[in-house]
Amino acid sequence: MKIKLSFLLSCVIFIANAQSDRIFKHNGEVVEGNVVRVAEYTVVFKYLNEDAEQTISKYAVGQIEYGKSKRKEQITDKIIVNSEADWDNVVILEDKSQISGLKKVDEIRGKTSFINYHTAATGDKKASMKLKKAAAEMGCQFIYMTADKETNYTGAQGKQFGGTQAVKKGVAYKY
């Protein structure tokens, strides 16, 4: 009788787990639970046998496999950054919800020099490139932007080359 009861209990647990959703993260981790919704920047889910909602960035999730239907939904492609040469693959994030589930590495900065030969637009691009290169050098795929400012040093002469310094600050994140 005990064997039949334990077998029946095992079957019920197996069926219950077969109905759960599986979230495949880019770092290799698999999360078992129930997906509540897939929002603009995040995936909201509940762990098995829990009621509290958890949030993870879509950037951290590669795929979701829904337990009831066995349907697989591709969420994001994995971003590969192996060295500074891959700086163009680095993504700048501006919404705090986009970093949920990513690993913080370090604060970084990109800026143009005080005296430079850039207009405001090209100075901004140069500062962004330096910021992305700093993140790529650390093997990070993402930058959460914390400051983005330009300082105009031209005075009464108006806009000219070298009159604007662009400074960008952020925090580097990876899977």
N, C-alpha and C. Protein backbone atom coordinates (compact mmCIF):
# COMPACT_ATOMS: atom_id res chain seq x y z
N MET A 1 0.82 -1.19 0.00
CA MET A 1 0.00 0.00 0.00
C MET A 1 0.87 1.26 0.00
N LYS A 2 1.97 1.25 0.80
CA LYS A 2 2.86 2.39 0.85
C LYS A 2 3.52 2.62 -0.50
N ILE A 3 3.85 1.56 -1.20
CA ILE A 3 4.50 1.68 -2.51
C ILE A 3 3.54 2.32 -3.50
N LYS A 4 2.28 1.91 -3.50
CA LYS A 4 1.29 2.47 -4.41
C LYS A 4 1.07 3.95 -4.11
N LEU A 5 1.01 4.29 -2.83
CA LEU A 5 0.79 5.68 -2.44
C LEU A 5 1.97 6.56 -2.84
N SER A 6 3.20 6.09 -2.64
CA SER A 6 4.38 6.87 -3.01
C SER A 6 4.48 6.99 -4.53
N PHE A 7 4.10 5.92 -5.26
CA PHE A 7 4.11 5.98 -6.72
C PHE A 7 3.09 7.00 -7.22
N LEU A 8 1.91 7.01 -6.63
CA LEU A 8 0.87 7.96 -7.00
C LEU A 8 1.31 9.39 -6.70
N LEU A 9 1.94 9.60 -5.57
CA LEU A 9 2.45 10.92 -5.20
C LEU A 9 3.55 11.36 -6.16
N SER A 10 4.42 10.45 -6.56
CA SER A 10 5.48 10.76 -7.53
C SER A 10 4.88 11.18 -8.86
N CYS A 11 3.83 10.49 -9.29
CA CYS A 11 3.18 10.84 -10.57
C CYS A 11 2.56 12.23 -10.50
N VAL A 12 1.93 12.56 -9.39
CA VAL A 12 1.31 13.87 -9.23
C VAL A 12 2.38 14.97 -9.26
N ILE A 13 3.49 14.75 -8.59
CA ILE A 13 4.58 15.73 -8.58
C ILE A 13 5.17 15.87 -9.98
N PHE A 14 5.33 14.76 -10.68
CA PHE A 14 5.88 14.80 -12.04
C PHE A 14 4.95 15.59 -12.97
N ILE A 15 3.67 15.35 -12.88
CA ILE A 15 2.70 16.06 -13.73
C ILE A 15 2.68 17.54 -13.39
N ALA A 16 2.76 17.86 -12.11
CA ALA A 16 2.77 19.27 -11.70
C ALA A 16 4.01 19.98 -12.24
N ASN A 17 5.16 19.34 -12.18
CA ASN A 17 6.39 19.94 -12.69
C ASN A 17 6.40 20.02 -14.22
N ALA A 18 5.71 19.09 -14.87
CA ALA A 18 5.65 19.11 -16.33
C ALA A 18 4.86 20.32 -16.82
N GLN A 19 4.01 20.89 -15.98
CA GLN A 19 3.20 22.04 -16.34
C GLN A 19 3.93 23.36 -16.12
N SER A 20 5.09 23.31 -15.49
CA SER A 20 5.81 24.56 -15.20
C SER A 20 6.55 25.06 -16.44
N ASP A 21 6.79 26.35 -16.46
CA ASP A 21 7.52 26.98 -17.55
C ASP A 21 9.01 26.95 -17.22
N ARG A 22 9.83 26.96 -18.26
CA ARG A 22 11.28 26.97 -18.08
C ARG A 22 11.84 28.21 -18.77
N ILE A 23 12.61 28.99 -18.02
CA ILE A 23 13.24 30.20 -18.54
C ILE A 23 14.73 29.89 -18.68
N PHE A 24 15.23 29.98 -19.92
CA PHE A 24 16.63 29.69 -20.21
C PHE A 24 17.38 31.02 -20.28
N LYS A 25 18.27 31.24 -19.31
CA LYS A 25 19.04 32.48 -19.26
C LYS A 25 20.31 32.35 -20.10
N HIS A 26 20.84 33.47 -20.56
CA HIS A 26 22.05 33.46 -21.37
C HIS A 26 23.28 32.98 -20.61
N ASN A 27 23.27 33.06 -19.28
CA ASN A 27 24.41 32.60 -18.50
C ASN A 27 24.39 31.08 -18.27
N GLY A 28 23.40 30.38 -18.85
CA GLY A 28 23.31 28.93 -18.73
C GLY A 28 22.34 28.46 -17.67
N GLU A 29 21.90 29.32 -16.82
CA GLU A 29 20.97 28.98 -15.75
C GLU A 29 19.57 28.74 -16.33
N VAL A 30 18.85 27.77 -15.76
CA VAL A 30 17.48 27.48 -16.15
C VAL A 30 16.59 27.71 -14.93
N VAL A 31 15.56 28.55 -15.08
CA VAL A 31 14.65 28.87 -13.99
C VAL A 31 13.34 28.15 -14.24
N GLU A 32 12.88 27.38 -13.24
CA GLU A 32 11.59 26.68 -13.31
C GLU A 32 10.57 27.52 -12.56
N GLY A 33 9.44 27.74 -13.18
CA GLY A 33 8.38 28.52 -12.54
C GLY A 33 7.23 28.71 -13.49
N ASN A 34 6.46 29.76 -13.26
CA ASN A 34 5.32 30.09 -14.11
C ASN A 34 5.46 31.52 -14.59
N VAL A 35 5.53 31.68 -15.91
CA VAL A 35 5.64 33.02 -16.49
C VAL A 35 4.30 33.71 -16.35
N VAL A 36 4.33 34.91 -15.76
CA VAL A 36 3.11 35.71 -15.58
C VAL A 36 2.87 36.56 -16.82
N ARG A 37 3.93 37.24 -17.27
CA ARG A 37 3.82 38.07 -18.48
C ARG A 37 5.22 38.40 -19.00
N VAL A 38 5.24 38.68 -20.29
CA VAL A 38 6.45 39.16 -20.95
C VAL A 38 6.16 40.61 -21.31
N ALA A 39 6.80 41.54 -20.60
CA ALA A 39 6.56 42.97 -20.78
C ALA A 39 7.57 43.54 -21.79
N GLU A 40 7.58 44.86 -21.92
CA GLU A 40 8.44 45.51 -22.89
C GLU A 40 9.92 45.23 -22.65
N TYR A 41 10.38 45.38 -21.40
CA TYR A 41 11.79 45.18 -21.07
C TYR A 41 12.04 43.98 -20.17
N THR A 42 11.00 43.37 -19.62
CA THR A 42 11.18 42.35 -18.59
C THR A 42 10.31 41.12 -18.81
N VAL A 43 10.68 40.05 -18.10
CA VAL A 43 9.86 38.84 -17.99
C VAL A 43 9.49 38.73 -16.52
N VAL A 44 8.20 38.64 -16.23
CA VAL A 44 7.71 38.52 -14.87
C VAL A 44 7.27 37.07 -14.67
N PHE A 45 7.77 36.44 -13.59
CA PHE A 45 7.47 35.03 -13.33
C PHE A 45 7.34 34.78 -11.84
N LYS A 46 6.84 33.58 -11.51
CA LYS A 46 6.77 33.12 -10.13
C LYS A 46 7.50 31.78 -10.05
N TYR A 47 8.33 31.62 -9.00
CA TYR A 47 8.96 30.33 -8.77
C TYR A 47 7.88 29.31 -8.41
N LEU A 48 8.18 28.03 -8.62
CA LEU A 48 7.23 26.97 -8.28
C LEU A 48 6.85 27.05 -6.80
N ASN A 49 5.59 26.89 -6.52
CA ASN A 49 5.04 26.88 -5.16
C ASN A 49 5.25 28.19 -4.41
N GLU A 50 5.41 29.30 -5.13
CA GLU A 50 5.53 30.62 -4.51
C GLU A 50 4.55 31.57 -5.18
N ASP A 51 4.15 32.61 -4.44
CA ASP A 51 3.20 33.59 -4.98
C ASP A 51 3.86 34.92 -5.33
N ALA A 52 5.07 35.14 -4.85
CA ALA A 52 5.75 36.42 -5.10
C ALA A 52 6.22 36.49 -6.55
N GLU A 53 5.95 37.61 -7.21
CA GLU A 53 6.38 37.80 -8.59
C GLU A 53 7.84 38.24 -8.63
N GLN A 54 8.59 37.67 -9.54
CA GLN A 54 9.99 37.99 -9.75
C GLN A 54 10.13 38.63 -11.12
N THR A 55 11.08 39.52 -11.28
CA THR A 55 11.29 40.22 -12.55
C THR A 55 12.72 40.01 -13.02
N ILE A 56 12.87 39.75 -14.31
CA ILE A 56 14.18 39.60 -14.90
C ILE A 56 14.19 40.33 -16.25
N SER A 57 15.31 40.94 -16.57
CA SER A 57 15.44 41.66 -17.83
C SER A 57 15.35 40.71 -19.02
N LYS A 58 14.73 41.16 -20.09
CA LYS A 58 14.68 40.36 -21.32
C LYS A 58 16.09 40.09 -21.85
N TYR A 59 17.01 41.02 -21.59
CA TYR A 59 18.38 40.84 -22.06
C TYR A 59 19.06 39.64 -21.41
N ALA A 60 18.62 39.24 -20.23
CA ALA A 60 19.21 38.10 -19.54
C ALA A 60 18.61 36.78 -19.99
N VAL A 61 17.48 36.82 -20.71
CA VAL A 61 16.73 35.62 -21.10
C VAL A 61 16.90 35.33 -22.58
N GLY A 62 17.26 34.09 -22.87
CA GLY A 62 17.38 33.67 -24.26
C GLY A 62 16.08 33.10 -24.80
N GLN A 63 15.45 32.23 -24.00
CA GLN A 63 14.27 31.53 -24.48
C GLN A 63 13.38 31.13 -23.32
N ILE A 64 12.08 31.02 -23.58
CA ILE A 64 11.11 30.50 -22.61
C ILE A 64 10.43 29.31 -23.24
N GLU A 65 10.34 28.22 -22.46
CA GLU A 65 9.57 27.05 -22.88
C GLU A 65 8.36 26.95 -21.96
N TYR A 66 7.18 27.09 -22.55
CA TYR A 66 5.95 27.06 -21.77
C TYR A 66 5.55 25.61 -21.51
N GLY A 67 5.29 25.28 -20.23
CA GLY A 67 5.04 23.91 -19.81
C GLY A 67 3.78 23.29 -20.36
N LYS A 68 2.68 24.02 -20.39
CA LYS A 68 1.41 23.43 -20.83
C LYS A 68 1.40 23.15 -22.33
N SER A 69 1.87 24.08 -23.11
CA SER A 69 1.80 23.93 -24.57
C SER A 69 3.09 23.41 -25.19
N LYS A 70 4.20 23.43 -24.44
CA LYS A 70 5.54 23.07 -24.93
C LYS A 70 6.03 24.02 -26.02
N ARG A 71 5.37 25.17 -26.15
CA ARG A 71 5.79 26.17 -27.13
C ARG A 71 7.06 26.84 -26.63
N LYS A 72 7.99 27.12 -27.56
CA LYS A 72 9.22 27.80 -27.22
C LYS A 72 9.19 29.19 -27.83
N GLU A 73 9.51 30.19 -27.01
CA GLU A 73 9.52 31.57 -27.46
C GLU A 73 10.93 32.14 -27.32
N GLN A 74 11.50 32.59 -28.43
CA GLN A 74 12.81 33.23 -28.41
C GLN A 74 12.63 34.65 -27.87
N ILE A 75 13.39 35.03 -26.84
CA ILE A 75 13.26 36.36 -26.23
C ILE A 75 14.33 37.29 -26.78
N THR A 76 15.61 36.99 -26.55
CA THR A 76 16.70 37.81 -27.10
C THR A 76 17.84 36.90 -27.54
N ASP A 77 18.61 37.40 -28.48
CA ASP A 77 19.82 36.70 -28.91
C ASP A 77 20.95 37.04 -27.94
N LYS A 78 21.83 36.10 -27.75
CA LYS A 78 22.97 36.33 -26.86
C LYS A 78 23.96 37.27 -27.54
N ILE A 79 24.43 38.25 -26.79
CA ILE A 79 25.40 39.22 -27.28
C ILE A 79 26.79 38.71 -26.91
N ILE A 80 27.64 38.62 -27.91
CA ILE A 80 29.00 38.09 -27.70
C ILE A 80 29.99 39.25 -27.66
N VAL A 81 30.73 39.35 -26.55
CA VAL A 81 31.79 40.34 -26.40
C VAL A 81 32.98 39.61 -25.80
N ASN A 82 34.00 39.38 -26.64
CA ASN A 82 35.19 38.66 -26.18
C ASN A 82 36.37 39.58 -25.87
N SER A 83 36.41 40.73 -26.55
CA SER A 83 37.53 41.66 -26.35
C SER A 83 37.09 43.07 -26.72
N GLU A 84 38.01 44.01 -26.60
CA GLU A 84 37.72 45.40 -26.93
C GLU A 84 37.31 45.54 -28.40
N ALA A 85 37.76 44.63 -29.25
CA ALA A 85 37.41 44.68 -30.67
C ALA A 85 35.90 44.50 -30.90
N ASP A 86 35.20 43.92 -29.94
CA ASP A 86 33.75 43.71 -30.04
C ASP A 86 32.95 44.86 -29.44
N TRP A 87 33.55 46.04 -29.28
CA TRP A 87 32.91 47.16 -28.61
C TRP A 87 31.59 47.57 -29.28
N ASP A 88 31.47 47.35 -30.57
CA ASP A 88 30.26 47.75 -31.29
C ASP A 88 29.05 46.90 -30.90
N ASN A 89 29.27 45.72 -30.29
CA ASN A 89 28.18 44.85 -29.85
C ASN A 89 27.60 45.28 -28.50
N VAL A 90 28.30 46.13 -27.76
CA VAL A 90 27.86 46.55 -26.42
C VAL A 90 26.60 47.40 -26.55
N VAL A 91 25.63 47.13 -25.68
CA VAL A 91 24.34 47.83 -25.70
C VAL A 91 24.26 48.79 -24.52
N ILE A 92 23.86 50.03 -24.80
CA ILE A 92 23.68 51.02 -23.75
C ILE A 92 22.21 50.99 -23.31
N LEU A 93 21.99 50.79 -22.01
CA LEU A 93 20.65 50.70 -21.44
C LEU A 93 20.35 51.97 -20.64
N GLU A 94 19.11 52.44 -20.75
CA GLU A 94 18.75 53.65 -20.03
C GLU A 94 17.60 53.45 -19.06
N ASP A 95 16.97 52.28 -19.08
CA ASP A 95 15.86 51.99 -18.16
C ASP A 95 16.37 50.99 -17.11
N LYS A 96 16.18 51.31 -15.85
CA LYS A 96 16.72 50.49 -14.75
C LYS A 96 16.18 49.05 -14.78
N SER A 97 14.96 48.86 -15.27
CA SER A 97 14.39 47.51 -15.31
C SER A 97 15.15 46.60 -16.28
N GLN A 98 15.91 47.18 -17.20
CA GLN A 98 16.65 46.39 -18.17
C GLN A 98 17.89 45.72 -17.60
N ILE A 99 18.30 46.06 -16.37
CA ILE A 99 19.50 45.45 -15.79
C ILE A 99 19.17 44.34 -14.79
N SER A 100 17.89 44.11 -14.53
CA SER A 100 17.48 43.09 -13.56
C SER A 100 17.91 41.70 -14.03
N GLY A 101 18.68 41.02 -13.22
CA GLY A 101 19.17 39.68 -13.57
C GLY A 101 20.53 39.67 -14.24
N LEU A 102 21.10 40.86 -14.48
CA LEU A 102 22.45 40.95 -15.04
C LEU A 102 23.44 41.17 -13.90
N LYS A 103 24.70 40.85 -14.13
CA LYS A 103 25.72 40.95 -13.09
C LYS A 103 26.50 42.26 -13.23
N LYS A 104 26.50 43.06 -12.17
CA LYS A 104 27.24 44.32 -12.16
C LYS A 104 28.74 44.04 -12.08
N VAL A 105 29.52 44.76 -12.92
CA VAL A 105 30.97 44.55 -12.92
C VAL A 105 31.70 45.75 -12.35
N ASP A 106 31.56 46.93 -12.99
CA ASP A 106 32.29 48.10 -12.52
C ASP A 106 31.73 49.36 -13.15
N GLU A 107 32.08 50.50 -12.57
CA GLU A 107 31.71 51.80 -13.14
C GLU A 107 32.73 52.16 -14.21
N ILE A 108 32.25 52.78 -15.29
CA ILE A 108 33.13 53.15 -16.39
C ILE A 108 32.81 54.57 -16.85
N ARG A 109 33.72 55.13 -17.65
CA ARG A 109 33.57 56.51 -18.11
C ARG A 109 34.16 56.65 -19.51
N GLY A 110 33.51 57.46 -20.32
CA GLY A 110 34.01 57.78 -21.65
C GLY A 110 33.86 59.27 -21.87
N LYS A 111 34.91 59.92 -22.36
CA LYS A 111 34.83 61.37 -22.55
C LYS A 111 35.75 61.80 -23.68
N THR A 112 35.46 62.98 -24.20
CA THR A 112 36.39 63.60 -25.15
C THR A 112 37.33 64.48 -24.36
N SER A 113 38.46 64.80 -24.93
CA SER A 113 39.42 65.63 -24.21
C SER A 113 38.92 67.08 -24.14
N PHE A 114 39.50 67.83 -23.24
CA PHE A 114 39.10 69.22 -23.02
C PHE A 114 39.28 70.04 -24.29
N ILE A 115 40.40 69.89 -24.93
CA ILE A 115 40.64 70.54 -26.22
C ILE A 115 40.62 69.45 -27.27
N ASN A 116 39.65 69.55 -28.21
CA ASN A 116 39.48 68.49 -29.20
C ASN A 116 39.04 69.08 -30.53
N TYR A 117 39.01 68.25 -31.53
CA TYR A 117 38.61 68.69 -32.86
C TYR A 117 37.28 68.07 -33.26
N HIS A 118 36.33 68.08 -32.34
CA HIS A 118 35.02 67.50 -32.58
C HIS A 118 33.94 68.56 -32.42
N THR A 119 32.88 68.40 -33.22
CA THR A 119 31.67 69.18 -32.98
C THR A 119 30.94 68.49 -31.84
N ALA A 120 29.83 69.06 -31.40
CA ALA A 120 29.07 68.45 -30.31
C ALA A 120 28.59 67.05 -30.69
N ALA A 121 28.13 66.88 -31.94
CA ALA A 121 27.61 65.58 -32.38
C ALA A 121 28.72 64.53 -32.46
N THR A 122 29.85 64.87 -33.04
CA THR A 122 30.92 63.88 -33.15
C THR A 122 31.59 63.62 -31.80
N GLY A 123 31.60 64.63 -30.94
CA GLY A 123 32.13 64.44 -29.59
C GLY A 123 31.29 63.45 -28.80
N ASP A 124 29.96 63.52 -28.97
CA ASP A 124 29.06 62.60 -28.31
C ASP A 124 29.30 61.17 -28.78
N LYS A 125 29.48 61.00 -30.09
CA LYS A 125 29.76 59.67 -30.65
C LYS A 125 31.10 59.13 -30.14
N LYS A 126 32.09 59.99 -30.07
CA LYS A 126 33.42 59.59 -29.59
C LYS A 126 33.36 59.15 -28.12
N ALA A 127 32.63 59.90 -27.29
CA ALA A 127 32.49 59.54 -25.87
C ALA A 127 31.75 58.21 -25.72
N SER A 128 30.71 57.99 -26.53
CA SER A 128 29.97 56.72 -26.50
C SER A 128 30.87 55.56 -26.90
N MET A 129 31.69 55.77 -27.93
CA MET A 129 32.61 54.73 -28.38
C MET A 129 33.62 54.38 -27.27
N LYS A 130 34.16 55.39 -26.60
CA LYS A 130 35.12 55.14 -25.51
C LYS A 130 34.44 54.37 -24.37
N LEU A 131 33.19 54.72 -24.06
CA LEU A 131 32.43 54.05 -23.01
C LEU A 131 32.23 52.57 -23.38
N LYS A 132 31.83 52.30 -24.61
CA LYS A 132 31.61 50.93 -25.07
C LYS A 132 32.91 50.13 -25.10
N LYS A 133 33.99 50.75 -25.50
CA LYS A 133 35.28 50.06 -25.52
C LYS A 133 35.73 49.68 -24.11
N ALA A 134 35.48 50.56 -23.15
CA ALA A 134 35.83 50.25 -21.75
C ALA A 134 35.04 49.05 -21.25
N ALA A 135 33.76 48.97 -21.60
CA ALA A 135 32.92 47.84 -21.19
C ALA A 135 33.37 46.56 -21.89
N ALA A 136 33.65 46.65 -23.19
CA ALA A 136 34.07 45.48 -23.96
C ALA A 136 35.39 44.92 -23.45
N GLU A 137 36.28 45.80 -23.02
CA GLU A 137 37.58 45.37 -22.48
C GLU A 137 37.39 44.50 -21.24
N MET A 138 36.31 44.75 -20.48
CA MET A 138 36.01 43.96 -19.28
C MET A 138 35.12 42.75 -19.60
N GLY A 139 34.78 42.56 -20.88
CA GLY A 139 33.92 41.43 -21.28
C GLY A 139 32.46 41.66 -20.97
N CYS A 140 32.05 42.91 -20.85
CA CYS A 140 30.66 43.24 -20.51
C CYS A 140 29.86 43.55 -21.77
N GLN A 141 28.63 43.07 -21.79
CA GLN A 141 27.75 43.26 -22.94
C GLN A 141 26.87 44.50 -22.81
N PHE A 142 26.74 45.05 -21.59
CA PHE A 142 25.78 46.12 -21.35
C PHE A 142 26.39 47.25 -20.52
N ILE A 143 25.84 48.45 -20.75
CA ILE A 143 26.18 49.62 -19.94
C ILE A 143 24.88 50.26 -19.52
N TYR A 144 24.72 50.44 -18.21
CA TYR A 144 23.59 51.21 -17.70
C TYR A 144 24.07 52.65 -17.55
N MET A 145 23.51 53.55 -18.36
CA MET A 145 23.94 54.94 -18.40
C MET A 145 23.52 55.67 -17.13
N THR A 146 24.50 56.29 -16.45
CA THR A 146 24.19 57.04 -15.22
C THR A 146 24.37 58.54 -15.41
N ALA A 147 25.19 58.96 -16.36
CA ALA A 147 25.39 60.40 -16.62
C ALA A 147 25.77 60.61 -18.08
N ASP A 148 25.20 61.65 -18.67
CA ASP A 148 25.49 61.99 -20.06
C ASP A 148 25.40 63.51 -20.15
N LYS A 149 26.56 64.16 -20.18
CA LYS A 149 26.52 65.62 -20.22
C LYS A 149 27.55 66.18 -21.18
N GLU A 150 27.26 67.37 -21.64
CA GLU A 150 28.18 68.11 -22.51
C GLU A 150 28.45 69.45 -21.84
N THR A 151 29.69 69.86 -21.88
CA THR A 151 30.06 71.16 -21.33
C THR A 151 30.56 72.01 -22.48
N ASN A 152 29.99 73.20 -22.62
CA ASN A 152 30.34 74.10 -23.70
C ASN A 152 31.35 75.13 -23.19
N TYR A 153 32.52 75.17 -23.82
CA TYR A 153 33.58 76.08 -23.42
C TYR A 153 33.82 77.19 -24.45
N THR A 154 32.91 77.39 -25.37
CA THR A 154 33.15 78.32 -26.47
C THR A 154 33.02 79.78 -26.08
N GLY A 155 32.18 80.08 -25.13
CA GLY A 155 32.00 81.47 -24.70
C GLY A 155 31.30 82.30 -25.75
N ALA A 156 31.74 83.54 -25.97
CA ALA A 156 31.07 84.47 -26.88
C ALA A 156 31.30 84.13 -28.35
N GLN A 157 32.28 83.30 -28.66
CA GLN A 157 32.58 82.99 -30.06
C GLN A 157 31.53 82.09 -30.70
N GLY A 158 30.69 81.44 -29.92
CA GLY A 158 29.68 80.54 -30.48
C GLY A 158 30.24 79.14 -30.67
N LYS A 159 29.48 78.29 -31.39
CA LYS A 159 29.88 76.90 -31.61
C LYS A 159 31.09 76.82 -32.52
N GLN A 160 32.06 76.02 -32.14
CA GLN A 160 33.25 75.82 -32.95
C GLN A 160 33.88 74.48 -32.58
N PHE A 161 34.85 74.05 -33.36
CA PHE A 161 35.53 72.80 -33.06
C PHE A 161 36.27 72.91 -31.74
N GLY A 162 36.18 71.86 -30.93
CA GLY A 162 36.90 71.81 -29.67
C GLY A 162 36.25 72.58 -28.55
N GLY A 163 35.09 73.16 -28.81
CA GLY A 163 34.44 73.98 -27.79
C GLY A 163 33.52 73.21 -26.87
N THR A 164 33.27 71.94 -27.17
CA THR A 164 32.35 71.15 -26.36
C THR A 164 33.02 69.86 -25.92
N GLN A 165 32.92 69.57 -24.62
CA GLN A 165 33.46 68.31 -24.09
C GLN A 165 32.29 67.42 -23.71
N ALA A 166 32.27 66.19 -24.22
CA ALA A 166 31.23 65.22 -23.89
C ALA A 166 31.76 64.25 -22.83
N VAL A 167 30.95 64.02 -21.79
CA VAL A 167 31.32 63.10 -20.72
C VAL A 167 30.15 62.15 -20.49
N LYS A 168 30.42 60.86 -20.54
CA LYS A 168 29.41 59.84 -20.30
C LYS A 168 29.92 58.90 -19.21
N LYS A 169 29.02 58.56 -18.29
CA LYS A 169 29.36 57.63 -17.21
C LYS A 169 28.31 56.54 -17.18
N GLY A 170 28.74 55.37 -16.78
CA GLY A 170 27.80 54.24 -16.68
C GLY A 170 28.36 53.13 -15.82
N VAL A 171 27.56 52.08 -15.70
CA VAL A 171 27.95 50.89 -14.97
C VAL A 171 27.92 49.74 -15.95
N ALA A 172 29.01 48.97 -16.02
CA ALA A 172 29.12 47.84 -16.92
C ALA A 172 28.47 46.60 -16.31
N TYR A 173 27.71 45.88 -17.13
CA TYR A 173 27.03 44.65 -16.71
C TYR A 173 27.31 43.54 -17.71
N LYS A 174 27.22 42.30 -17.23
CA LYS A 174 27.33 41.14 -18.10
C LYS A 174 26.33 40.07 -17.64
N TYR A 175 26.24 39.00 -18.43
CA TYR A 175 25.27 37.93 -18.12
C TYR A 175 25.60 37.26 -16.81
